[in-house]
Every structure is written in structure tokens, then in C-alpha cells.
ModelCIF file with pLDDT and N, C-alpha, C, O atoms, coordinates in Angstrom:
data_MODEL
#
_entry.id   MODEL 
#
_entity.id                         1 
_entity.type                       polymer 
_entity.pdbx_number_of_molecules   1 
#
_entity_poly.entity_id                      1 
_entity_poly.type                           'polypeptide(L)' 
_entity_poly.nstd_linkage                   no 
_entity_poly.nstd_monomer                   no 
_entity_poly.pdbx_seq_one_letter_code       TAIGVLADHFRGSNLADCIVVSPDLGNAKVATQFARLLGLPVAAGSKR 
_entity_poly.pdbx_seq_one_letter_code_can   TAIGVLADHFRGSNLADCIVVSPDLGNAKVATQFARLLGLPVAAGSKR 
_entity_poly.pdbx_strand_id                 A 
#
loop_
_entity_poly_seq.entity_id 
_entity_poly_seq.num 
_entity_poly_seq.mon_id 
_entity_poly_seq.hetero 
1 1  THR n 
1 2  ALA n 
1 3  ILE n 
1 4  GLY n 
1 5  VAL n 
1 6  LEU n 
1 7  ALA n 
1 8  ASP n 
1 9  HIS n 
1 10 PHE n 
1 11 ARG n 
1 12 GLY n 
1 13 SER n 
1 14 ASN n 
1 15 LEU n 
1 16 ALA n 
1 17 ASP n 
1 18 CYS n 
1 19 ILE n 
1 20 VAL n 
1 21 VAL n 
1 22 SER n 
1 23 PRO n 
1 24 ASP n 
1 25 LEU n 
1 26 GLY n 
1 27 ASN n 
1 28 ALA n 
1 29 LYS n 
1 30 VAL n 
1 31 ALA n 
1 32 THR n 
1 33 GLN n 
1 34 PHE n 
1 35 ALA n 
1 36 ARG n 
1 37 LEU n 
1 38 LEU n 
1 39 GLY n 
1 40 LEU n 
1 41 PRO n 
1 42 VAL n 
1 43 ALA n 
1 44 ALA n 
1 45 GLY n 
1 46 SER n 
1 47 LYS n 
1 48 ARG n 
#
_struct_asym.id          A 
_struct_asym.entity_id   1 
#
loop_
_ma_qa_metric.id 
_ma_qa_metric.mode 
_ma_qa_metric.name 
_ma_qa_metric.software_group_id 
_ma_qa_metric.type 
1 global pLDDT . pLDDT 
2 local  pLDDT . pLDDT 
#
_ma_qa_metric_global.metric_id      1 
_ma_qa_metric_global.metric_value   90.17 
_ma_qa_metric_global.model_id       1 
_ma_qa_metric_global.ordinal_id     1 
#
loop_
_ma_qa_metric_local.label_asym_id 
_ma_qa_metric_local.label_comp_id 
_ma_qa_metric_local.label_seq_id 
_ma_qa_metric_local.metric_id 
_ma_qa_metric_local.metric_value 
_ma_qa_metric_local.model_id 
_ma_qa_metric_local.ordinal_id 
A THR 1  2 92.00 1 1  
A ALA 2  2 93.00 1 2  
A ILE 3  2 93.00 1 3  
A GLY 4  2 91.00 1 4  
A VAL 5  2 93.00 1 5  
A LEU 6  2 94.00 1 6  
A ALA 7  2 93.00 1 7  
A ASP 8  2 92.00 1 8  
A HIS 9  2 94.00 1 9  
A PHE 10 2 93.00 1 10 
A ARG 11 2 85.00 1 11 
A GLY 12 2 86.00 1 12 
A SER 13 2 91.00 1 13 
A ASN 14 2 93.00 1 14 
A LEU 15 2 93.00 1 15 
A ALA 16 2 92.00 1 16 
A ASP 17 2 94.00 1 17 
A CYS 18 2 96.00 1 18 
A ILE 19 2 96.00 1 19 
A VAL 20 2 97.00 1 20 
A VAL 21 2 95.00 1 21 
A SER 22 2 93.00 1 22 
A PRO 23 2 90.00 1 23 
A ASP 24 2 87.00 1 24 
A LEU 25 2 82.00 1 25 
A GLY 26 2 81.00 1 26 
A ASN 27 2 85.00 1 27 
A ALA 28 2 88.00 1 28 
A LYS 29 2 89.00 1 29 
A VAL 30 2 91.00 1 30 
A ALA 31 2 93.00 1 31 
A THR 32 2 92.00 1 32 
A GLN 33 2 90.00 1 33 
A PHE 34 2 93.00 1 34 
A ALA 35 2 93.00 1 35 
A ARG 36 2 90.00 1 36 
A LEU 37 2 90.00 1 37 
A LEU 38 2 91.00 1 38 
A GLY 39 2 91.00 1 39 
A LEU 40 2 94.00 1 40 
A PRO 41 2 95.00 1 41 
A VAL 42 2 95.00 1 42 
A ALA 43 2 94.00 1 43 
A ALA 44 2 91.00 1 44 
A GLY 45 2 87.00 1 45 
A SER 46 2 78.00 1 46 
A LYS 47 2 71.00 1 47 
A ARG 48 2 68.00 1 48 
#
loop_
_atom_site.group_PDB 
_atom_site.id 
_atom_site.type_symbol 
_atom_site.label_atom_id 
_atom_site.label_alt_id 
_atom_site.label_comp_id 
_atom_site.label_asym_id 
_atom_site.label_entity_id 
_atom_site.label_seq_id 
_atom_site.pdbx_PDB_ins_code 
_atom_site.Cartn_x 
_atom_site.Cartn_y 
_atom_site.Cartn_z 
_atom_site.occupancy 
_atom_site.B_iso_or_equiv 
_atom_site.pdbx_formal_charge 
_atom_site.auth_seq_id 
_atom_site.auth_comp_id 
_atom_site.auth_asym_id 
_atom_site.auth_atom_id 
_atom_site.pdbx_PDB_model_num 
ATOM 1   N N  . THR A 1 1  ? -15.406 2.257  -7.970  1.00 92.00 ? 1  THR A N  1 
ATOM 2   C CA . THR A 1 1  ? -14.028 2.669  -7.732  1.00 92.00 ? 1  THR A CA 1 
ATOM 3   C C  . THR A 1 1  ? -13.462 3.287  -8.996  1.00 92.00 ? 1  THR A C  1 
ATOM 4   O O  . THR A 1 1  ? -13.806 2.873  -10.103 1.00 92.00 ? 1  THR A O  1 
ATOM 5   N N  . ALA A 1 2  ? -12.596 4.277  -8.836  1.00 93.00 ? 2  ALA A N  1 
ATOM 6   C CA . ALA A 1 2  ? -11.992 4.967  -9.981  1.00 93.00 ? 2  ALA A CA 1 
ATOM 7   C C  . ALA A 1 2  ? -10.584 4.480  -10.272 1.00 93.00 ? 2  ALA A C  1 
ATOM 8   O O  . ALA A 1 2  ? -9.940  4.998  -11.185 1.00 93.00 ? 2  ALA A O  1 
ATOM 9   N N  . ILE A 1 3  ? -10.079 3.490  -9.518  1.00 93.00 ? 3  ILE A N  1 
ATOM 10  C CA . ILE A 1 3  ? -8.655  3.174  -9.689  1.00 93.00 ? 3  ILE A CA 1 
ATOM 11  C C  . ILE A 1 3  ? -8.359  2.581  -11.064 1.00 93.00 ? 3  ILE A C  1 
ATOM 12  O O  . ILE A 1 3  ? -7.242  2.720  -11.563 1.00 93.00 ? 3  ILE A O  1 
ATOM 13  N N  . GLY A 1 4  ? -9.345  1.917  -11.690 1.00 91.00 ? 4  GLY A N  1 
ATOM 14  C CA . GLY A 1 4  ? -9.130  1.429  -13.046 1.00 91.00 ? 4  GLY A CA 1 
ATOM 15  C C  . GLY A 1 4  ? -8.976  2.573  -14.030 1.00 91.00 ? 4  GLY A C  1 
ATOM 16  O O  . GLY A 1 4  ? -8.104  2.534  -14.898 1.00 91.00 ? 4  GLY A O  1 
ATOM 17  N N  . VAL A 1 5  ? -9.828  3.606  -13.900 1.00 93.00 ? 5  VAL A N  1 
ATOM 18  C CA . VAL A 1 5  ? -9.747  4.782  -14.758 1.00 93.00 ? 5  VAL A CA 1 
ATOM 19  C C  . VAL A 1 5  ? -8.440  5.529  -14.519 1.00 93.00 ? 5  VAL A C  1 
ATOM 20  O O  . VAL A 1 5  ? -7.801  5.980  -15.470 1.00 93.00 ? 5  VAL A O  1 
ATOM 21  N N  . LEU A 1 6  ? -8.041  5.664  -13.264 1.00 94.00 ? 6  LEU A N  1 
ATOM 22  C CA . LEU A 1 6  ? -6.806  6.365  -12.945 1.00 94.00 ? 6  LEU A CA 1 
ATOM 23  C C  . LEU A 1 6  ? -5.582  5.587  -13.416 1.00 94.00 ? 6  LEU A C  1 
ATOM 24  O O  . LEU A 1 6  ? -4.603  6.177  -13.873 1.00 94.00 ? 6  LEU A O  1 
ATOM 25  N N  . ALA A 1 7  ? -5.640  4.260  -13.303 1.00 93.00 ? 7  ALA A N  1 
ATOM 26  C CA . ALA A 1 7  ? -4.516  3.452  -13.784 1.00 93.00 ? 7  ALA A CA 1 
ATOM 27  C C  . ALA A 1 7  ? -4.355  3.593  -15.288 1.00 93.00 ? 7  ALA A C  1 
ATOM 28  O O  . ALA A 1 7  ? -3.233  3.563  -15.795 1.00 93.00 ? 7  ALA A O  1 
ATOM 29  N N  . ASP A 1 8  ? -5.471  3.747  -16.017 1.00 92.00 ? 8  ASP A N  1 
ATOM 30  C CA . ASP A 1 8  ? -5.389  3.925  -17.467 1.00 92.00 ? 8  ASP A CA 1 
ATOM 31  C C  . ASP A 1 8  ? -4.578  5.157  -17.846 1.00 92.00 ? 8  ASP A C  1 
ATOM 32  O O  . ASP A 1 8  ? -3.986  5.204  -18.924 1.00 92.00 ? 8  ASP A O  1 
ATOM 33  N N  . HIS A 1 9  ? -4.549  6.161  -16.959 1.00 94.00 ? 9  HIS A N  1 
ATOM 34  C CA . HIS A 1 9  ? -3.779  7.372  -17.243 1.00 94.00 ? 9  HIS A CA 1 
ATOM 35  C C  . HIS A 1 9  ? -2.295  7.067  -17.424 1.00 94.00 ? 9  HIS A C  1 
ATOM 36  O O  . HIS A 1 9  ? -1.590  7.774  -18.145 1.00 94.00 ? 9  HIS A O  1 
ATOM 37  N N  . PHE A 1 10 ? -1.829  6.015  -16.768 1.00 93.00 ? 10 PHE A N  1 
ATOM 38  C CA . PHE A 1 10 ? -0.405  5.702  -16.795 1.00 93.00 ? 10 PHE A CA 1 
ATOM 39  C C  . PHE A 1 10 ? -0.046  4.636  -17.830 1.00 93.00 ? 10 PHE A C  1 
ATOM 40  O O  . PHE A 1 10 ? 1.117   4.250  -17.949 1.00 93.00 ? 10 PHE A O  1 
ATOM 41  N N  . ARG A 1 11 ? -1.047  4.159  -18.581 1.00 85.00 ? 11 ARG A N  1 
ATOM 42  C CA . ARG A 1 11 ? -0.755  3.144  -19.588 1.00 85.00 ? 11 ARG A CA 1 
ATOM 43  C C  . ARG A 1 11 ? 0.217   3.714  -20.617 1.00 85.00 ? 11 ARG A C  1 
ATOM 44  O O  . ARG A 1 11 ? 0.016   4.821  -21.119 1.00 85.00 ? 11 ARG A O  1 
ATOM 45  N N  . GLY A 1 12 ? 1.253   2.973  -20.927 1.00 86.00 ? 12 GLY A N  1 
ATOM 46  C CA . GLY A 1 12 ? 2.226   3.414  -21.913 1.00 86.00 ? 12 GLY A CA 1 
ATOM 47  C C  . GLY A 1 12 ? 3.290   4.340  -21.374 1.00 86.00 ? 12 GLY A C  1 
ATOM 48  O O  . GLY A 1 12 ? 4.216   4.699  -22.101 1.00 86.00 ? 12 GLY A O  1 
ATOM 49  N N  . SER A 1 13 ? 3.183   4.739  -20.109 1.00 91.00 ? 13 SER A N  1 
ATOM 50  C CA . SER A 1 13 ? 4.200   5.609  -19.509 1.00 91.00 ? 13 SER A CA 1 
ATOM 51  C C  . SER A 1 13 ? 5.376   4.781  -19.013 1.00 91.00 ? 13 SER A C  1 
ATOM 52  O O  . SER A 1 13 ? 5.235   3.593  -18.722 1.00 91.00 ? 13 SER A O  1 
ATOM 53  N N  . ASN A 1 14 ? 6.522   5.412  -18.921 1.00 93.00 ? 14 ASN A N  1 
ATOM 54  C CA . ASN A 1 14 ? 7.700   4.762  -18.355 1.00 93.00 ? 14 ASN A CA 1 
ATOM 55  C C  . ASN A 1 14 ? 7.588   4.791  -16.843 1.00 93.00 ? 14 ASN A C  1 
ATOM 56  O O  . ASN A 1 14 ? 7.745   5.842  -16.222 1.00 93.00 ? 14 ASN A O  1 
ATOM 57  N N  . LEU A 1 15 ? 7.314   3.626  -16.246 1.00 93.00 ? 15 LEU A N  1 
ATOM 58  C CA . LEU A 1 15 ? 7.127   3.552  -14.800 1.00 93.00 ? 15 LEU A CA 1 
ATOM 59  C C  . LEU A 1 15 ? 8.320   2.918  -14.093 1.00 93.00 ? 15 LEU A C  1 
ATOM 60  O O  . LEU A 1 15 ? 8.220   2.507  -12.937 1.00 93.00 ? 15 LEU A O  1 
ATOM 61  N N  . ALA A 1 16 ? 9.446   2.843  -14.795 1.00 92.00 ? 16 ALA A N  1 
ATOM 62  C CA . ALA A 1 16 ? 10.659  2.327  -14.157 1.00 92.00 ? 16 ALA A CA 1 
ATOM 63  C C  . ALA A 1 16 ? 11.010  3.211  -12.965 1.00 92.00 ? 16 ALA A C  1 
ATOM 64  O O  . ALA A 1 16 ? 10.881  4.433  -13.036 1.00 92.00 ? 16 ALA A O  1 
ATOM 65  N N  . ASP A 1 17 ? 11.439  2.613  -11.902 1.00 94.00 ? 17 ASP A N  1 
ATOM 66  C CA . ASP A 1 17 ? 11.813  3.246  -10.628 1.00 94.00 ? 17 ASP A CA 1 
ATOM 67  C C  . ASP A 1 17 ? 10.653  3.986  -9.965  1.00 94.00 ? 17 ASP A C  1 
ATOM 68  O O  . ASP A 1 17 ? 10.892  4.880  -9.154  1.00 94.00 ? 17 ASP A O  1 
ATOM 69  N N  . CYS A 1 18 ? 9.398   3.639  -10.287 1.00 96.00 ? 18 CYS A N  1 
ATOM 70  C CA . CYS A 1 18 ? 8.230   4.251  -9.630  1.00 96.00 ? 18 CYS A CA 1 
ATOM 71  C C  . CYS A 1 18 ? 7.738   3.355  -8.498  1.00 96.00 ? 18 CYS A C  1 
ATOM 72  O O  . CYS A 1 18 ? 7.977   2.147  -8.503  1.00 96.00 ? 18 CYS A O  1 
ATOM 73  N N  . ILE A 1 19 ? 7.051   3.956  -7.531  1.00 96.00 ? 19 ILE A N  1 
ATOM 74  C CA . ILE A 1 19 ? 6.425   3.225  -6.438  1.00 96.00 ? 19 ILE A CA 1 
ATOM 75  C C  . ILE A 1 19 ? 5.135   3.948  -6.061  1.00 96.00 ? 19 ILE A C  1 
ATOM 76  O O  . ILE A 1 19 ? 5.097   5.178  -6.041  1.00 96.00 ? 19 ILE A O  1 
ATOM 77  N N  . VAL A 1 20 ? 4.081   3.194  -5.762  1.00 97.00 ? 20 VAL A N  1 
ATOM 78  C CA . VAL A 1 20 ? 2.813   3.770  -5.322  1.00 97.00 ? 20 VAL A CA 1 
ATOM 79  C C  . VAL A 1 20 ? 2.866   3.982  -3.811  1.00 97.00 ? 20 VAL A C  1 
ATOM 80  O O  . VAL A 1 20 ? 3.298   3.101  -3.068  1.00 97.00 ? 20 VAL A O  1 
ATOM 81  N N  . VAL A 1 21 ? 2.429   5.146  -3.368  1.00 95.00 ? 21 VAL A N  1 
ATOM 82  C CA . VAL A 1 21 ? 2.454   5.479  -1.941  1.00 95.00 ? 21 VAL A CA 1 
ATOM 83  C C  . VAL A 1 21 ? 1.053   5.854  -1.477  1.00 95.00 ? 21 VAL A C  1 
ATOM 84  O O  . VAL A 1 21 ? 0.392   6.700  -2.080  1.00 95.00 ? 21 VAL A O  1 
ATOM 85  N N  . SER A 1 22 ? 0.610   5.218  -0.401  1.00 93.00 ? 22 SER A N  1 
ATOM 86  C CA . SER A 1 22 ? -0.639  5.593  0.249   1.00 93.00 ? 22 SER A CA 1 
ATOM 87  C C  . SER A 1 22 ? -0.349  6.637  1.327   1.00 93.00 ? 22 SER A C  1 
ATOM 88  O O  . SER A 1 22 ? 0.624   6.492  2.067   1.00 93.00 ? 22 SER A O  1 
ATOM 89  N N  . PRO A 1 23 ? -1.164  7.680  1.431   1.00 90.00 ? 23 PRO A N  1 
ATOM 90  C CA . PRO A 1 23 ? -0.899  8.704  2.458   1.00 90.00 ? 23 PRO A CA 1 
ATOM 91  C C  . PRO A 1 23 ? -1.023  8.184  3.878   1.00 90.00 ? 23 PRO A C  1 
ATOM 92  O O  . PRO A 1 23 ? -0.437  8.751  4.801   1.00 90.00 ? 23 PRO A O  1 
ATOM 93  N N  . ASP A 1 24 ? -1.790  7.096  4.065   1.00 87.00 ? 24 ASP A N  1 
ATOM 94  C CA . ASP A 1 24 ? -1.953  6.546  5.400   1.00 87.00 ? 24 ASP A CA 1 
ATOM 95  C C  . ASP A 1 24 ? -2.184  5.047  5.287   1.00 87.00 ? 24 ASP A C  1 
ATOM 96  O O  . ASP A 1 24 ? -2.420  4.525  4.198   1.00 87.00 ? 24 ASP A O  1 
ATOM 97  N N  . LEU A 1 25 ? -2.115  4.365  6.414   1.00 82.00 ? 25 LEU A N  1 
ATOM 98  C CA . LEU A 1 25 ? -2.258  2.917  6.418   1.00 82.00 ? 25 LEU A CA 1 
ATOM 99  C C  . LEU A 1 25 ? -3.690  2.481  6.113   1.00 82.00 ? 25 LEU A C  1 
ATOM 100 O O  . LEU A 1 25 ? -3.903  1.382  5.603   1.00 82.00 ? 25 LEU A O  1 
ATOM 101 N N  . GLY A 1 26 ? -4.678  3.333  6.422   1.00 81.00 ? 26 GLY A N  1 
ATOM 102 C CA . GLY A 1 26 ? -6.065  2.994  6.155   1.00 81.00 ? 26 GLY A CA 1 
ATOM 103 C C  . GLY A 1 26 ? -6.379  2.890  4.667   1.00 81.00 ? 26 GLY A C  1 
ATOM 104 O O  . GLY A 1 26 ? -7.289  2.163  4.269   1.00 81.00 ? 26 GLY A O  1 
ATOM 105 N N  . ASN A 1 27 ? -5.629  3.616  3.851   1.00 85.00 ? 27 ASN A N  1 
ATOM 106 C CA . ASN A 1 27 ? -5.847  3.599  2.400   1.00 85.00 ? 27 ASN A CA 1 
ATOM 107 C C  . ASN A 1 27 ? -4.921  2.608  1.697   1.00 85.00 ? 27 ASN A C  1 
ATOM 108 O O  . ASN A 1 27 ? -4.911  2.528  0.469   1.00 85.00 ? 27 ASN A O  1 
ATOM 109 N N  . ALA A 1 28 ? -4.146  1.857  2.473   1.00 88.00 ? 28 ALA A N  1 
ATOM 110 C CA . ALA A 1 28 ? -3.114  0.993  1.887   1.00 88.00 ? 28 ALA A CA 1 
ATOM 111 C C  . ALA A 1 28 ? -3.700  -0.111 1.017   1.00 88.00 ? 28 ALA A C  1 
ATOM 112 O O  . ALA A 1 28 ? -3.089  -0.498 0.021   1.00 88.00 ? 28 ALA A O  1 
ATOM 113 N N  . LYS A 1 29 ? -4.888  -0.631 1.380   1.00 89.00 ? 29 LYS A N  1 
ATOM 114 C CA . LYS A 1 29 ? -5.477  -1.712 0.582   1.00 89.00 ? 29 LYS A CA 1 
ATOM 115 C C  . LYS A 1 29 ? -5.794  -1.234 -0.832  1.00 89.00 ? 29 LYS A C  1 
ATOM 116 O O  . LYS A 1 29 ? -5.487  -1.919 -1.807  1.00 89.00 ? 29 LYS A O  1 
ATOM 117 N N  . VAL A 1 30 ? -6.409  -0.060 -0.939  1.00 91.00 ? 30 VAL A N  1 
ATOM 118 C CA . VAL A 1 30 ? -6.738  0.477  -2.258  1.00 91.00 ? 30 VAL A CA 1 
ATOM 119 C C  . VAL A 1 30 ? -5.464  0.793  -3.026  1.00 91.00 ? 30 VAL A C  1 
ATOM 120 O O  . VAL A 1 30 ? -5.379  0.535  -4.226  1.00 91.00 ? 30 VAL A O  1 
ATOM 121 N N  . ALA A 1 31 ? -4.462  1.355  -2.330  1.00 93.00 ? 31 ALA A N  1 
ATOM 122 C CA . ALA A 1 31 ? -3.189  1.652  -2.989  1.00 93.00 ? 31 ALA A CA 1 
ATOM 123 C C  . ALA A 1 31 ? -2.526  0.379  -3.504  1.00 93.00 ? 31 ALA A C  1 
ATOM 124 O O  . ALA A 1 31 ? -1.892  0.387  -4.559  1.00 93.00 ? 31 ALA A O  1 
ATOM 125 N N  . THR A 1 32 ? -2.673  -0.713 -2.759  1.00 92.00 ? 32 THR A N  1 
ATOM 126 C CA . THR A 1 32 ? -2.103  -1.993 -3.188  1.00 92.00 ? 32 THR A CA 1 
ATOM 127 C C  . THR A 1 32 ? -2.797  -2.491 -4.449  1.00 92.00 ? 32 THR A C  1 
ATOM 128 O O  . THR A 1 32 ? -2.135  -2.989 -5.359  1.00 92.00 ? 32 THR A O  1 
ATOM 129 N N  . GLN A 1 33 ? -4.121  -2.365 -4.518  1.00 90.00 ? 33 GLN A N  1 
ATOM 130 C CA . GLN A 1 33 ? -4.853  -2.748 -5.722  1.00 90.00 ? 33 GLN A CA 1 
ATOM 131 C C  . GLN A 1 33 ? -4.406  -1.911 -6.914  1.00 90.00 ? 33 GLN A C  1 
ATOM 132 O O  . GLN A 1 33 ? -4.212  -2.433 -8.012  1.00 90.00 ? 33 GLN A O  1 
ATOM 133 N N  . PHE A 1 34 ? -4.247  -0.614 -6.692  1.00 93.00 ? 34 PHE A N  1 
ATOM 134 C CA . PHE A 1 34 ? -3.790  0.293  -7.751  1.00 93.00 ? 34 PHE A CA 1 
ATOM 135 C C  . PHE A 1 34 ? -2.385  -0.088 -8.204  1.00 93.00 ? 34 PHE A C  1 
ATOM 136 O O  . PHE A 1 34 ? -2.101  -0.108 -9.402  1.00 93.00 ? 34 PHE A O  1 
ATOM 137 N N  . ALA A 1 35 ? -1.508  -0.388 -7.252  1.00 93.00 ? 35 ALA A N  1 
ATOM 138 C CA . ALA A 1 35 ? -0.140  -0.771 -7.584  1.00 93.00 ? 35 ALA A CA 1 
ATOM 139 C C  . ALA A 1 35 ? -0.107  -2.064 -8.389  1.00 93.00 ? 35 ALA A C  1 
ATOM 140 O O  . ALA A 1 35 ? 0.711   -2.210 -9.297  1.00 93.00 ? 35 ALA A O  1 
ATOM 141 N N  . ARG A 1 36 ? -0.997  -3.007 -8.062  1.00 90.00 ? 36 ARG A N  1 
ATOM 142 C CA . ARG A 1 36 ? -1.048  -4.268 -8.806  1.00 90.00 ? 36 ARG A CA 1 
ATOM 143 C C  . ARG A 1 36 ? -1.455  -4.036 -10.251 1.00 90.00 ? 36 ARG A C  1 
ATOM 144 O O  . ARG A 1 36 ? -0.956  -4.716 -11.148 1.00 90.00 ? 36 ARG A O  1 
ATOM 145 N N  . LEU A 1 37 ? -2.354  -3.085 -10.494 1.00 90.00 ? 37 LEU A N  1 
ATOM 146 C CA . LEU A 1 37 ? -2.765  -2.779 -11.863 1.00 90.00 ? 37 LEU A CA 1 
ATOM 147 C C  . LEU A 1 37 ? -1.586  -2.261 -12.690 1.00 90.00 ? 37 LEU A C  1 
ATOM 148 O O  . LEU A 1 37 ? -1.521  -2.479 -13.899 1.00 90.00 ? 37 LEU A O  1 
ATOM 149 N N  . LEU A 1 38 ? -0.657  -1.572 -12.022 1.00 91.00 ? 38 LEU A N  1 
ATOM 150 C CA . LEU A 1 38 ? 0.480   -0.988 -12.725 1.00 91.00 ? 38 LEU A CA 1 
ATOM 151 C C  . LEU A 1 38 ? 1.746   -1.826 -12.598 1.00 91.00 ? 38 LEU A C  1 
ATOM 152 O O  . LEU A 1 38 ? 2.773   -1.502 -13.195 1.00 91.00 ? 38 LEU A O  1 
ATOM 153 N N  . GLY A 1 39 ? 1.672   -2.916 -11.811 1.00 91.00 ? 39 GLY A N  1 
ATOM 154 C CA . GLY A 1 39 ? 2.848   -3.755 -11.625 1.00 91.00 ? 39 GLY A CA 1 
ATOM 155 C C  . GLY A 1 39 ? 3.946   -3.080 -10.838 1.00 91.00 ? 39 GLY A C  1 
ATOM 156 O O  . GLY A 1 39 ? 5.128   -3.246 -11.139 1.00 91.00 ? 39 GLY A O  1 
ATOM 157 N N  . LEU A 1 40 ? 3.555   -2.306 -9.816  1.00 94.00 ? 40 LEU A N  1 
ATOM 158 C CA . LEU A 1 40 ? 4.518   -1.527 -9.033  1.00 94.00 ? 40 LEU A CA 1 
ATOM 159 C C  . LEU A 1 40 ? 4.484   -1.943 -7.565  1.00 94.00 ? 40 LEU A C  1 
ATOM 160 O O  . LEU A 1 40 ? 3.485   -2.488 -7.096  1.00 94.00 ? 40 LEU A O  1 
ATOM 161 N N  . PRO A 1 41 ? 5.579   -1.687 -6.837  1.00 95.00 ? 41 PRO A N  1 
ATOM 162 C CA . PRO A 1 41 ? 5.555   -1.896 -5.383  1.00 95.00 ? 41 PRO A CA 1 
ATOM 163 C C  . PRO A 1 41 ? 4.751   -0.798 -4.696  1.00 95.00 ? 41 PRO A C  1 
ATOM 164 O O  . PRO A 1 41 ? 4.346   0.174  -5.333  1.00 95.00 ? 41 PRO A O  1 
ATOM 165 N N  . VAL A 1 42 ? 4.525   -0.957 -3.398  1.00 95.00 ? 42 VAL A N  1 
ATOM 166 C CA . VAL A 1 42 ? 3.696   -0.006 -2.673  1.00 95.00 ? 42 VAL A CA 1 
ATOM 167 C C  . VAL A 1 42 ? 4.333   0.333  -1.331  1.00 95.00 ? 42 VAL A C  1 
ATOM 168 O O  . VAL A 1 42 ? 5.001   -0.498 -0.715  1.00 95.00 ? 42 VAL A O  1 
ATOM 169 N N  . ALA A 1 43 ? 4.116   1.560  -0.892  1.00 94.00 ? 43 ALA A N  1 
ATOM 170 C CA . ALA A 1 43 ? 4.558   2.023  0.417   1.00 94.00 ? 43 ALA A CA 1 
ATOM 171 C C  . ALA A 1 43 ? 3.424   2.851  1.021   1.00 94.00 ? 43 ALA A C  1 
ATOM 172 O O  . ALA A 1 43 ? 2.438   3.140  0.343   1.00 94.00 ? 43 ALA A O  1 
ATOM 173 N N  . ALA A 1 44 ? 3.559   3.229  2.282   1.00 91.00 ? 44 ALA A N  1 
ATOM 174 C CA . ALA A 1 44 ? 2.496   3.987  2.943   1.00 91.00 ? 44 ALA A CA 1 
ATOM 175 C C  . ALA A 1 44 ? 3.078   4.908  3.998   1.00 91.00 ? 44 ALA A C  1 
ATOM 176 O O  . ALA A 1 44 ? 4.135   4.639  4.569   1.00 91.00 ? 44 ALA A O  1 
ATOM 177 N N  . GLY A 1 45 ? 2.369   6.003  4.247   1.00 87.00 ? 45 GLY A N  1 
ATOM 178 C CA . GLY A 1 45 ? 2.733   6.905  5.322   1.00 87.00 ? 45 GLY A CA 1 
ATOM 179 C C  . GLY A 1 45 ? 2.015   6.523  6.608   1.00 87.00 ? 45 GLY A C  1 
ATOM 180 O O  . GLY A 1 45 ? 0.906   5.992  6.571   1.00 87.00 ? 45 GLY A O  1 
ATOM 181 N N  . SER A 1 46 ? 2.638   6.789  7.723   1.00 78.00 ? 46 SER A N  1 
ATOM 182 C CA . SER A 1 46 ? 2.002   6.605  9.024   1.00 78.00 ? 46 SER A CA 1 
ATOM 183 C C  . SER A 1 46 ? 1.529   7.977  9.488   1.00 78.00 ? 46 SER A C  1 
ATOM 184 O O  . SER A 1 46 ? 2.334   8.808  9.908   1.00 78.00 ? 46 SER A O  1 
ATOM 185 N N  . LYS A 1 47 ? 0.199   8.213  9.409   1.00 71.00 ? 47 LYS A N  1 
ATOM 186 C CA . LYS A 1 47 ? -0.349  9.555  9.557   1.00 71.00 ? 47 LYS A CA 1 
ATOM 187 C C  . LYS A 1 47 ? -1.206  9.685  10.798  1.00 71.00 ? 47 LYS A C  1 
ATOM 188 O O  . LYS A 1 47 ? -1.954  8.771  11.145  1.00 71.00 ? 47 LYS A O  1 
ATOM 189 N N  . ARG A 1 48 ? -1.095  10.827 11.470  1.00 68.00 ? 48 ARG A N  1 
ATOM 190 C CA . ARG A 1 48 ? -1.983  11.204 12.570  1.00 68.00 ? 48 ARG A CA 1 
ATOM 191 C C  . ARG A 1 48 ? -2.646  12.526 12.225  1.00 68.00 ? 48 ARG A C  1 
ATOM 192 O O  . ARG A 1 48 ? -3.441  13.041 13.010  1.00 68.00 ? 48 ARG A O  1 
#
């Protein structure tokens, strides 16, 4: 998985008022893991 490498990109950035969004519900689990690495809430799109 690349989410650890991608999360490192945001280290030291101001993430106040940020939220992680998954494009669809199927990707929500990975988005939740990514959000936990950054200490952020998560949302998702309902996609067809």
C-alpha cells in the first residue's frame, strides 16, 4: 500500500479544517486508514 508514503507528503502541513474524502464507498476503508494516519475525519461519495 502507498498510503504511508502519501501520508508523509502532508507531514508538517497545516491540516486544520481538512477532511479526507473517498470517491466512492468501496474505497472508504482505505480512505479511513489514510485519514487515521493524518488525524482527520473522513467522508465519501456515493458513486454510480
